[in-house]
């Protein structure tokens, strides 16, 4: 879909993107605050941000409870949700174009005028407990907090987080809201048919009844190499694993593209070098890789599930193909095929209003960058495989990594797999 992007800074300190999509029949709103767990006052009340997010759609200046608010919000098919991470608290809504102003105002009420009632606190503590307890049964979910902690990021595990729920009080929730929900700490992306509406949106956003406050600081973590992380689960019928490598700087757009193309070559398809080879030999049903950048660092991760008896062979393939990349053994045909794939994904990526919003929002919220989306085809065509090879060498030479696994077995098995990966870094 054709669209035009404008970055604006409001008089109240908020910043955001207005994305005009002529003829759109849908409006998409996303708001972001640096308000996640990292910005809490104490590990003893770590779940404050999460509980506050759950309470966001409760009673507010107009509605006595969350049920009444939900009924009004969704009566014409509109959707809304909120999310919390260690860094962010984000709110989103999607609605039909004919009711955009009504939904815009309802979101304003939830974000700006929550009442945080005692009965809501008790209920949402129970809901958060149920949510986190459910994650304990998800082996992939179990891995990542343990990986982050091993590398030096002081997040809590799900078991640790569960123990903090009872400590959270209404005072904690209200104080966290007061500290984080300010206009200077707010970023937004609004997408849809904006012709004739832009000035109204700006006026109303500037009138949101939030204090100006300040933009809270970025989270910066100094990572370290770690020993393998072994999570024993007697109910694990296979091995859920992840290898995470990190470097202490953010990636440029060109570097991020190059690693995306390399991940495609290594794991994205049935003909890929690692996953494709593993599938051909019947070693693993699923595997993936991906790179992320933000908050002063970049990570490159590989993960999947594998049966215990075939895990050694899979890791041999991982080491072999990563070694081949280090030796410059990516063919021009592979590289050009990866670029063609991403050109296709580029054209397919902007089919809906929400998809266009998402394309811009993550980079804007986490890196304060406006993605040069219309320049993407030229950037893809100019990408060089030598850049991907150079990035691989940088991650390996940094030697800051960890292998983690959820498995029903002994530590010796994980150590043997770790020893195979270790050979890449020698």
Protein backbone atom coordinates (compact mmCIF):
# COMPACT_ATOMS: atom_id res chain seq x y z
CA UNK A 1 0.00 0.00 0.00
CA UNK A 2 1.28 3.47 -0.91
CA UNK A 3 1.95 5.60 2.16
CA UNK A 4 3.75 8.72 3.35
CA UNK A 5 5.55 9.05 6.69
CA UNK A 6 6.05 12.19 8.73
CA UNK A 7 7.87 12.41 12.06
CA UNK A 8 6.52 15.04 14.43
CA UNK A 9 7.57 16.40 17.82
CA UNK A 10 4.70 17.75 19.91
CA UNK A 11 4.90 20.78 22.18
CA UNK A 12 4.42 18.51 25.19
CA UNK A 13 7.57 16.50 24.37
CA UNK A 14 5.95 13.44 22.79
CA UNK A 15 7.29 12.27 19.45
CA UNK A 16 5.82 10.03 16.80
CA UNK A 17 5.13 9.06 13.24
CA UNK A 18 2.01 9.89 11.27
CA UNK A 19 1.60 7.51 8.33
CA UNK A 20 -0.90 8.64 5.74
CA UNK A 21 -2.36 5.78 3.68
CA UNK A 22 -4.81 7.27 1.17
CA UNK A 23 -8.00 5.28 0.81
CA UNK A 24 -7.37 3.10 3.89
CA UNK A 25 -10.47 1.73 5.56
CA UNK A 26 -8.69 0.97 8.85
CA UNK A 27 -6.81 3.03 11.44
CA UNK A 28 -3.96 1.59 13.51
CA UNK A 29 -2.64 3.21 16.71
CA UNK A 30 0.45 2.24 18.69
CA UNK A 31 1.82 4.02 21.79
CA UNK A 32 5.07 3.18 23.56
CA UNK A 33 6.59 4.13 26.90
CA UNK A 34 9.92 3.11 28.41
CA UNK A 35 8.06 1.58 31.31
CA UNK A 36 8.99 -2.11 31.50
CA UNK A 37 10.47 -4.12 34.34
CA UNK A 38 13.86 -2.40 34.00
CA UNK A 39 12.30 0.88 35.14
CA UNK A 40 10.85 -0.54 38.36
CA UNK A 41 12.10 0.45 41.78
CA UNK A 42 13.11 -2.98 43.09
CA UNK A 43 13.44 -6.63 42.13
CA UNK A 44 11.18 -7.36 45.12
CA UNK A 45 8.33 -5.73 43.19
CA UNK A 46 9.52 -6.77 39.72
CA UNK A 47 6.02 -7.52 38.42
CA UNK A 48 4.74 -3.98 39.05
CA UNK A 49 4.97 -2.97 35.38
CA UNK A 50 3.28 -6.16 34.21
CA UNK A 51 0.44 -5.84 36.72
CA UNK A 52 0.00 -2.18 35.81
CA UNK A 53 -0.31 -3.12 32.13
CA UNK A 54 -3.01 -5.66 33.04
CA UNK A 55 -4.88 -2.93 34.93
CA UNK A 56 -4.64 -0.46 32.05
CA UNK A 57 -8.03 -1.39 30.61
CA UNK A 58 -9.87 -1.30 33.91
CA UNK A 59 -11.82 1.55 35.48
CA UNK A 60 -11.00 5.03 34.19
CA UNK A 61 -12.45 8.53 34.16
CA UNK A 62 -15.59 7.45 32.25
CA UNK A 63 -16.04 3.72 32.93
CA UNK A 64 -16.62 2.07 36.30
CA UNK A 65 -14.89 -1.18 35.37
CA UNK A 66 -13.00 -2.99 32.65
CA UNK A 67 -16.03 -4.90 31.38
CA UNK A 68 -17.92 -1.71 30.58
CA UNK A 69 -14.84 -0.26 28.86
CA UNK A 70 -14.27 -3.43 26.83
CA UNK A 71 -17.91 -3.60 25.72
CA UNK A 72 -17.82 -0.01 24.51
CA UNK A 73 -14.43 -0.35 22.82
CA UNK A 74 -15.22 -3.47 20.80
CA UNK A 75 -18.87 -2.86 19.90
CA UNK A 76 -18.02 -2.12 16.25
CA UNK A 77 -15.29 -4.74 15.92
CA UNK A 78 -12.29 -2.71 17.13
CA UNK A 79 -9.36 -4.52 18.75
CA UNK A 80 -6.94 -3.39 21.45
CA UNK A 81 -4.16 -4.86 23.57
CA UNK A 82 -1.12 -3.96 25.67
CA UNK A 83 2.29 -5.55 26.16
CA UNK A 84 5.10 -5.34 28.70
CA UNK A 85 8.75 -6.34 28.36
CA UNK A 86 11.86 -5.56 30.37
CA UNK A 87 12.06 -2.25 28.48
CA UNK A 88 8.67 -1.34 27.08
CA UNK A 89 5.02 -0.91 27.78
CA UNK A 90 3.08 -0.64 24.54
CA UNK A 91 -0.58 -0.10 23.72
CA UNK A 92 -2.16 -0.85 20.35
CA UNK A 93 -5.57 -0.54 18.74
CA UNK A 94 -7.05 -1.26 15.31
CA UNK A 95 -10.44 -0.02 14.19
CA UNK A 96 -12.62 0.73 11.19
CA UNK A 97 -12.01 4.13 9.67
CA UNK A 98 -15.52 5.39 10.42
CA UNK A 99 -14.90 5.23 14.19
CA UNK A 100 -11.27 6.28 14.39
CA UNK A 101 -11.95 9.33 16.58
CA UNK A 102 -14.04 7.33 19.07
CA UNK A 103 -11.33 4.68 19.42
CA UNK A 104 -8.61 7.33 19.64
CA UNK A 105 -10.48 8.89 22.56
CA UNK A 106 -11.07 5.56 24.30
CA UNK A 107 -7.37 4.75 24.10
CA UNK A 108 -6.60 8.17 25.55
CA UNK A 109 -8.83 7.37 28.52
CA UNK A 110 -7.09 4.07 29.24
CA UNK A 111 -3.61 5.56 28.99
CA UNK A 112 -4.24 8.90 30.67
CA UNK A 113 -7.00 8.36 33.26
CA UNK A 114 -6.73 4.87 34.85
CA UNK A 115 -8.15 4.63 38.38
CA UNK A 116 -6.21 1.56 39.59
CA UNK A 117 -8.85 0.19 41.97
CA UNK A 118 -8.02 -2.31 44.77
CA UNK A 119 -10.35 -4.97 43.37
CA UNK A 120 -8.58 -4.71 40.00
CA UNK A 121 -5.21 -5.18 41.66
CA UNK A 122 -6.35 -8.41 43.34
CA UNK A 123 -7.84 -9.76 40.12
CA UNK A 124 -4.88 -8.90 37.91
CA UNK A 125 -2.38 -10.35 40.37
CA UNK A 126 -4.24 -13.60 39.89
CA UNK A 127 -4.22 -13.24 36.11
CA UNK A 128 -0.52 -12.43 36.00
CA UNK A 129 0.21 -15.43 38.22
CA UNK A 130 -1.78 -17.65 35.87
CA UNK A 131 0.02 -16.22 32.83
CA UNK A 132 3.52 -16.71 34.25
CA UNK A 133 2.70 -20.18 35.56
CA UNK A 134 1.60 -21.13 32.06
CA UNK A 135 4.96 -20.01 30.69
CA UNK A 136 6.67 -22.56 32.93
CA UNK A 137 5.24 -25.23 30.62
CA UNK A 138 6.72 -23.56 27.55
CA UNK A 139 10.29 -24.72 27.16
CA UNK A 140 11.21 -21.99 24.67
CA UNK A 141 9.95 -19.37 27.10
CA UNK A 142 12.04 -20.86 29.90
CA UNK A 143 15.25 -20.46 27.92
CA UNK A 144 15.43 -16.74 27.29
CA UNK A 145 15.44 -15.23 30.80
CA UNK A 146 18.13 -17.75 31.73
CA UNK A 147 20.14 -16.83 28.63
CA UNK A 148 19.83 -13.12 29.41
CA UNK A 149 20.94 -13.62 33.00
CA UNK A 150 23.86 -15.80 31.98
CA UNK A 151 25.09 -13.12 29.57
CA UNK A 152 24.82 -10.41 32.24
CA UNK A 153 21.34 -8.93 31.81
CA UNK A 154 19.72 -8.86 35.29
CA UNK A 155 16.20 -9.94 34.30
CA UNK A 156 14.36 -12.36 36.57
CA UNK A 157 13.32 -15.87 35.62
CA UNK A 158 9.64 -16.81 35.62
CA UNK A 159 9.96 -18.63 38.94
CA UNK A 160 11.59 -15.55 40.46
CA UNK A 161 8.97 -13.25 38.97
CA UNK A 162 6.14 -15.32 40.42
CA UNK A 163 7.51 -14.76 43.91
CA UNK A 164 7.32 -10.97 43.53
CA UNK A 165 3.62 -10.73 42.66
CA UNK A 166 2.42 -10.74 46.25
CA UNK A 167 4.74 -7.83 47.10
CA UNK A 168 3.19 -5.39 44.62
CA UNK A 169 0.88 -2.78 46.15
CA UNK A 170 -1.40 -0.14 44.66
CA UNK A 171 1.17 2.43 45.76
CA UNK A 172 3.80 0.64 43.65
CA UNK A 173 1.51 0.60 40.61
CA UNK A 174 0.55 4.26 40.92
CA UNK A 175 4.16 5.34 41.44
CA UNK A 176 5.34 3.36 38.41
CA UNK A 177 2.60 4.95 36.33
CA UNK A 178 3.50 8.43 37.60
CA UNK A 179 7.17 7.96 36.77
CA UNK A 180 6.79 6.39 33.35
CA UNK A 181 3.60 7.71 31.76
CA UNK A 182 4.71 11.16 30.75
CA UNK A 183 4.55 12.85 27.37
CA UNK A 184 8.32 13.15 27.03
CA UNK A 185 8.56 9.39 27.58
CA UNK A 186 5.89 8.64 24.97
CA UNK A 187 6.38 7.61 21.35
CA UNK A 188 3.56 6.80 18.93
CA UNK A 189 2.85 5.57 15.42
CA UNK A 190 -0.56 6.27 13.88
CA UNK A 191 -1.39 4.88 10.44
CA UNK A 192 -4.45 5.23 8.22
CA UNK A 193 -6.24 7.79 6.11
CA UNK A 194 -4.95 11.02 7.67
CA UNK A 195 -5.98 13.55 5.05
CA UNK A 196 -7.93 16.28 6.84
CA UNK A 197 -7.22 14.70 10.24
CA UNK A 198 -3.56 15.42 10.91
CA UNK A 199 -4.02 18.74 12.67
CA UNK A 200 -6.86 17.35 14.77
CA UNK A 201 -4.67 14.43 15.84
CA UNK A 202 -1.81 16.75 16.75
CA UNK A 203 -4.07 19.09 18.75
CA UNK A 204 -5.62 16.24 20.69
CA UNK A 205 -2.31 14.48 21.36
CA UNK A 206 -0.88 17.74 22.66
CA UNK A 207 -3.88 18.01 25.01
CA UNK A 208 -3.44 14.55 26.57
CA UNK A 209 -3.59 15.05 30.37
CA UNK A 210 -0.19 13.57 31.18
CA UNK A 211 2.70 15.43 32.86
CA UNK A 212 5.61 16.34 30.60
CA UNK A 213 8.22 14.46 32.66
CA UNK A 214 11.35 13.21 30.93
CA UNK A 215 12.46 10.54 28.48
CA UNK A 216 13.75 7.70 30.66
CA UNK A 217 17.29 6.48 29.89
CA UNK A 218 18.06 3.61 27.55
CA UNK A 219 18.82 0.23 29.04
CA UNK A 220 22.47 -0.65 28.42
CA UNK A 221 23.83 -4.08 29.35
CA UNK A 222 27.50 -5.08 29.39
CA UNK A 223 27.46 -8.70 28.27
CA UNK A 224 29.88 -11.47 29.19
CA UNK A 225 30.67 -14.97 28.00
CA UNK A 226 28.84 -17.64 29.98
CA UNK A 227 28.97 -21.31 30.78
CA UNK A 228 26.28 -23.51 29.24
CA UNK A 229 22.87 -23.13 30.87
CA UNK A 230 21.30 -26.47 31.75
CA UNK A 231 17.58 -26.56 32.57
CA UNK A 232 16.47 -30.06 33.48
CA UNK A 233 12.83 -30.93 32.95
CA UNK A 234 11.81 -34.52 33.46
CA UNK A 235 8.83 -33.99 31.13
CA UNK A 236 11.07 -32.86 28.25
CA UNK A 237 10.78 -35.39 25.43
CA UNK A 238 13.47 -33.67 23.36
CA UNK A 239 16.02 -30.85 23.64
CA UNK A 240 14.90 -27.25 23.24
CA UNK A 241 18.08 -25.24 22.69
CA UNK A 242 19.33 -21.77 21.85
CA UNK A 243 22.74 -20.34 21.06
CA UNK A 244 23.00 -16.59 21.67
CA UNK A 245 25.96 -14.46 20.59
CA UNK A 246 26.32 -10.75 21.27
CA UNK A 247 28.48 -7.74 20.40
CA UNK A 248 28.58 -4.45 22.37
CA UNK A 249 27.26 -2.16 19.64
CA UNK A 250 24.18 -1.69 17.51
CA UNK A 251 23.99 -2.76 13.89
CA UNK A 252 23.59 -0.40 10.99
CA UNK A 253 20.63 -0.99 8.69
CA UNK A 254 22.98 -2.46 6.09
CA UNK A 255 24.51 -4.85 8.64
CA UNK A 256 21.08 -5.92 9.84
CA UNK A 257 20.03 -6.66 6.28
CA UNK A 258 23.18 -8.67 5.62
CA UNK A 259 22.62 -10.86 8.67
CA UNK A 260 18.98 -11.35 7.67
CA UNK A 261 20.08 -12.60 4.25
CA UNK A 262 22.66 -14.89 5.86
CA UNK A 263 20.05 -16.30 8.25
CA UNK A 264 17.92 -17.08 5.23
CA UNK A 265 20.78 -19.01 3.70
CA UNK A 266 21.49 -20.89 6.94
CA UNK A 267 18.08 -21.73 8.41
CA UNK A 268 15.05 -20.19 6.70
CA UNK A 269 14.10 -22.78 4.10
CA UNK A 270 14.03 -26.51 3.43
CA UNK A 271 17.04 -25.98 1.18
CA UNK A 272 19.03 -23.93 3.72
CA UNK A 273 22.50 -24.97 4.76
CA UNK A 274 21.75 -25.89 8.38
CA UNK A 275 18.03 -26.49 8.71
CA UNK A 276 17.65 -27.88 5.20
CA UNK A 277 20.55 -30.26 5.68
CA UNK A 278 19.14 -31.38 9.05
CA UNK A 279 15.70 -32.02 7.56
CA UNK A 280 17.19 -33.98 4.67
CA UNK A 281 18.89 -36.32 7.16
CA UNK A 282 15.89 -36.52 9.50
CA UNK A 283 17.76 -34.83 12.35
CA UNK A 284 15.43 -31.98 13.36
CA UNK A 285 11.92 -30.87 12.48
CA UNK A 286 12.41 -27.19 13.24
CA UNK A 287 15.21 -24.64 13.59
CA UNK A 288 15.61 -20.89 13.19
CA UNK A 289 18.08 -18.02 13.48
CA UNK A 290 17.75 -14.26 13.76
CA UNK A 291 19.58 -11.06 14.68
CA UNK A 292 18.33 -8.09 16.71
CA UNK A 293 19.84 -4.73 17.51
CA UNK A 294 19.03 -2.02 20.04
CA UNK A 295 19.87 -0.50 23.41
CA UNK A 296 23.60 -0.43 22.73
CA UNK A 297 24.14 -4.02 21.62
CA UNK A 298 23.27 -6.63 19.02
CA UNK A 299 22.48 -10.33 19.38
CA UNK A 300 22.58 -13.19 16.91
CA UNK A 301 20.59 -16.23 17.98
CA UNK A 302 20.09 -19.80 16.77
CA UNK A 303 17.51 -22.13 18.23
CA UNK A 304 15.22 -25.07 17.75
CA UNK A 305 14.21 -28.48 19.01
CA UNK A 306 16.03 -31.72 18.40
CA UNK A 307 15.82 -35.28 19.67
CA UNK A 308 18.56 -36.24 22.06
CA UNK A 309 19.94 -39.01 19.84
CA UNK A 310 20.33 -36.73 16.80
CA UNK A 311 21.51 -33.57 18.57
CA UNK A 312 25.22 -34.27 18.10
CA UNK A 313 24.80 -34.59 14.32
CA UNK A 314 22.77 -31.38 14.16
CA UNK A 315 25.42 -29.44 16.06
CA UNK A 316 28.09 -30.82 13.74
CA UNK A 317 26.15 -29.26 10.85
CA UNK A 318 25.83 -25.94 12.69
CA UNK A 319 29.58 -25.80 13.33
CA UNK A 320 30.43 -26.90 9.78
CA UNK A 321 28.25 -24.29 8.10
CA UNK A 322 29.28 -21.46 10.41
CA UNK A 323 32.90 -22.39 9.70
CA UNK A 324 32.14 -22.25 5.98
CA UNK A 325 30.79 -18.73 6.37
CA UNK A 326 33.97 -17.74 8.24
CA UNK A 327 35.97 -19.12 5.31
CA UNK A 328 33.99 -17.05 2.82
CA UNK A 329 32.15 -19.99 1.30
CA UNK A 330 28.86 -18.27 0.53
CA UNK A 331 28.15 -18.58 -3.17
CA UNK A 332 26.97 -15.69 -5.31
CA UNK A 333 23.93 -17.75 -6.33
CA UNK A 334 22.92 -18.25 -2.68
CA UNK A 335 23.39 -14.58 -1.91
CA UNK A 336 21.39 -13.40 -4.90
CA UNK A 337 18.59 -15.86 -4.09
CA UNK A 338 18.41 -14.49 -0.53
CA UNK A 339 18.19 -10.93 -1.81
CA UNK A 340 15.44 -11.88 -4.25
CA UNK A 341 13.53 -13.52 -1.39
CA UNK A 342 13.69 -10.34 0.67
CA UNK A 343 12.65 -8.19 -2.26
CA UNK A 344 9.55 -10.35 -2.46
CA UNK A 345 8.97 -10.07 1.27
CA UNK A 346 9.36 -6.30 0.97
CA UNK A 347 6.56 -6.11 -1.60
CA UNK A 348 4.35 -8.42 0.45
CA UNK A 349 5.06 -6.69 3.77
CA UNK A 350 2.86 -3.60 3.34
CA UNK A 351 -0.47 -5.20 2.48
CA UNK A 352 -2.43 -3.90 5.47
CA UNK A 353 -2.55 -0.75 7.58
CA UNK A 354 -1.47 -2.67 10.69
CA UNK A 355 1.44 -4.24 8.85
CA UNK A 356 2.66 -0.82 7.74
CA UNK A 357 2.41 0.45 11.32
CA UNK A 358 4.42 -2.51 12.58
CA UNK A 359 7.11 -2.07 9.93
CA UNK A 360 7.98 1.34 11.33
CA UNK A 361 7.03 1.03 15.01
CA UNK A 362 9.60 -1.40 16.37
CA UNK A 363 12.62 0.46 15.00
CA UNK A 364 11.15 3.80 16.00
CA UNK A 365 10.27 2.72 19.52
CA UNK A 366 13.50 0.89 20.29
CA UNK A 367 16.09 2.83 18.27
CA UNK A 368 14.47 6.23 17.65
CA UNK A 369 14.99 5.67 13.92
CA UNK A 370 12.59 6.20 11.04
CA UNK A 371 12.99 3.21 8.75
CA UNK A 372 13.79 4.36 5.18
CA UNK A 373 11.24 1.90 3.84
CA UNK A 374 11.06 3.22 0.30
CA UNK A 375 14.83 2.91 -0.02
CA UNK A 376 14.75 -0.75 1.01
CA UNK A 377 14.77 -2.25 -2.51
CA UNK A 378 17.93 -0.34 -3.43
CA UNK A 379 19.55 -1.27 -0.11
CA UNK A 380 18.72 -4.93 -0.70
CA UNK A 381 20.16 -4.89 -4.22
CA UNK A 382 23.38 -3.26 -2.98
CA UNK A 383 23.95 -5.68 -0.08
CA UNK A 384 27.25 -7.57 -0.32
CA UNK A 385 27.94 -11.04 1.02
CA UNK A 386 31.31 -9.83 2.29
CA UNK A 387 29.41 -7.74 4.86
CA UNK A 388 27.70 -10.85 6.23
CA UNK A 389 31.03 -12.67 6.39
CA UNK A 390 32.61 -9.72 8.20
CA UNK A 391 29.74 -9.60 10.70
CA UNK A 392 30.10 -13.33 11.35
CA UNK A 393 33.79 -12.84 12.13
CA UNK A 394 32.96 -9.96 14.48
CA UNK A 395 30.47 -12.02 16.50
CA UNK A 396 32.90 -14.94 16.70
CA UNK A 397 35.89 -12.77 17.64
CA UNK A 398 33.87 -11.03 20.37
CA UNK A 399 33.55 -14.48 22.03
CA UNK A 400 30.56 -13.42 24.14
CA UNK A 401 28.00 -16.19 23.91
CA UNK A 402 26.05 -18.90 25.69
CA UNK A 403 24.41 -22.20 24.80
CA UNK A 404 21.29 -23.08 26.78
CA UNK A 405 18.97 -26.06 26.70
CA UNK A 406 15.86 -27.46 28.33
CA UNK A 407 16.24 -31.22 28.41
CA UNK A 408 15.68 -34.44 30.31
CA UNK A 409 19.23 -35.66 30.58
CA UNK A 410 22.59 -35.00 32.10
CA UNK A 411 24.82 -31.95 32.02
CA UNK A 412 27.47 -34.00 30.23
CA UNK A 413 25.29 -34.15 27.13
CA UNK A 414 24.94 -30.36 27.03
CA UNK A 415 28.66 -29.95 27.71
CA UNK A 416 29.45 -32.16 24.72
CA UNK A 417 27.24 -29.98 22.49
CA UNK A 418 28.82 -26.85 23.97
CA UNK A 419 32.30 -28.21 23.22
CA UNK A 420 31.33 -28.50 19.56
CA UNK A 421 30.21 -24.84 19.44
CA UNK A 422 33.32 -23.79 21.35
CA UNK A 423 35.47 -24.86 18.40
CA UNK A 424 34.09 -21.92 16.39
CA UNK A 425 35.56 -19.45 18.87
CA UNK A 426 39.07 -20.88 19.12
